[in-house]
């Protein structure tokens, strides 16, 4: 499937309806932008109603964590980047 979009003012793009439907994208969804050999890639970010419960046990640390939310976000970004490569 080859579709094109136009970059508008402030760098905004509108994803075609069939792409949004195919990948379950809706208003307010967050995307990760990555660069690859062939260009840029947009990856939908899975969100949870209770993110702390979804992440429980996924980060191992020997010392107390001062900013658990920041550390969890960094961990999720790293895992998503690893899965993409």
Protein backbone atom coordinates (compact mmCIF):
# COMPACT_ATOMS: atom_id res chain seq x y z
CA UNK A 1 0.00 0.00 0.00
CA UNK A 2 1.50 3.32 -1.06
CA UNK A 3 -0.13 6.43 0.34
CA UNK A 4 1.15 9.95 0.69
CA UNK A 5 0.52 12.74 3.16
CA UNK A 6 1.41 16.39 3.16
CA UNK A 7 3.39 18.03 5.94
CA UNK A 8 1.44 21.07 7.06
CA UNK A 9 2.13 24.09 9.16
CA UNK A 10 4.12 23.27 12.32
CA UNK A 11 5.19 19.91 10.79
CA UNK A 12 1.81 18.27 11.26
CA UNK A 13 0.66 15.33 9.17
CA UNK A 14 -2.73 13.64 8.92
CA UNK A 15 -2.62 9.86 8.65
CA UNK A 16 -5.06 8.40 6.12
CA UNK A 17 -8.21 6.85 7.61
CA UNK A 18 -7.43 3.34 6.36
CA UNK A 19 -4.02 3.44 8.11
CA UNK A 20 -5.56 4.69 11.36
CA UNK A 21 -8.18 1.94 11.23
CA UNK A 22 -5.69 -0.79 10.33
CA UNK A 23 -3.44 0.05 13.30
CA UNK A 24 -6.15 1.06 15.76
CA UNK A 25 -5.07 4.69 15.96
CA UNK A 26 -7.43 7.28 17.39
CA UNK A 27 -7.35 10.87 18.54
CA UNK A 28 -4.90 11.37 21.38
CA UNK A 29 -2.81 8.25 20.72
CA UNK A 30 0.91 8.70 21.32
CA UNK A 31 3.50 7.74 18.72
CA UNK A 32 7.22 7.13 18.99
CA UNK A 33 9.21 8.50 16.05
CA UNK A 34 12.32 6.55 15.12
CA UNK A 35 14.80 6.81 12.29
CA UNK A 36 15.80 3.80 10.25
CA UNK A 37 17.85 3.06 7.17
CA UNK A 38 14.91 3.81 4.88
CA UNK A 39 13.53 6.88 6.67
CA UNK A 40 11.31 7.60 9.66
CA UNK A 41 8.93 5.22 11.39
CA UNK A 42 5.94 5.98 13.62
CA UNK A 43 5.22 3.42 16.34
CA UNK A 44 2.01 3.56 18.39
CA UNK A 45 2.61 3.54 22.13
CA UNK A 46 0.47 1.12 24.08
CA UNK A 47 -1.19 2.88 27.01
CA UNK A 48 -2.68 1.38 30.14
CA UNK A 49 -5.40 2.52 32.49
CA UNK A 50 -3.08 1.79 35.43
CA UNK A 51 0.47 2.06 34.02
CA UNK A 52 2.19 1.31 37.32
CA UNK A 53 0.45 -2.06 37.49
CA UNK A 54 1.37 -2.84 33.86
CA UNK A 55 5.05 -2.10 34.58
CA UNK A 56 5.23 -3.78 37.98
CA UNK A 57 8.31 -5.97 38.14
CA UNK A 58 9.69 -4.97 34.73
CA UNK A 59 12.52 -2.82 36.14
CA UNK A 60 15.11 -4.44 38.37
CA UNK A 61 17.27 -2.20 40.55
CA UNK A 62 19.72 -2.82 43.39
CA UNK A 63 19.17 0.60 44.91
CA UNK A 64 16.06 2.70 45.63
CA UNK A 65 14.73 4.66 42.64
CA UNK A 66 14.26 8.41 43.17
CA UNK A 67 12.11 8.94 40.07
CA UNK A 68 10.28 5.65 39.32
CA UNK A 69 8.04 7.09 36.58
CA UNK A 70 11.00 8.52 34.65
CA UNK A 71 12.93 5.28 34.97
CA UNK A 72 9.90 3.24 33.85
CA UNK A 73 9.38 5.47 30.79
CA UNK A 74 13.05 5.12 29.82
CA UNK A 75 12.81 1.35 30.21
CA UNK A 76 9.71 1.15 27.99
CA UNK A 77 11.33 3.34 25.31
CA UNK A 78 14.42 1.11 25.35
CA UNK A 79 12.33 -2.08 25.04
CA UNK A 80 10.28 -0.64 22.16
CA UNK A 81 13.43 0.44 20.34
CA UNK A 82 14.92 -3.05 20.80
CA UNK A 83 11.74 -4.69 19.43
CA UNK A 84 11.75 -2.38 16.41
CA UNK A 85 15.35 -3.20 15.40
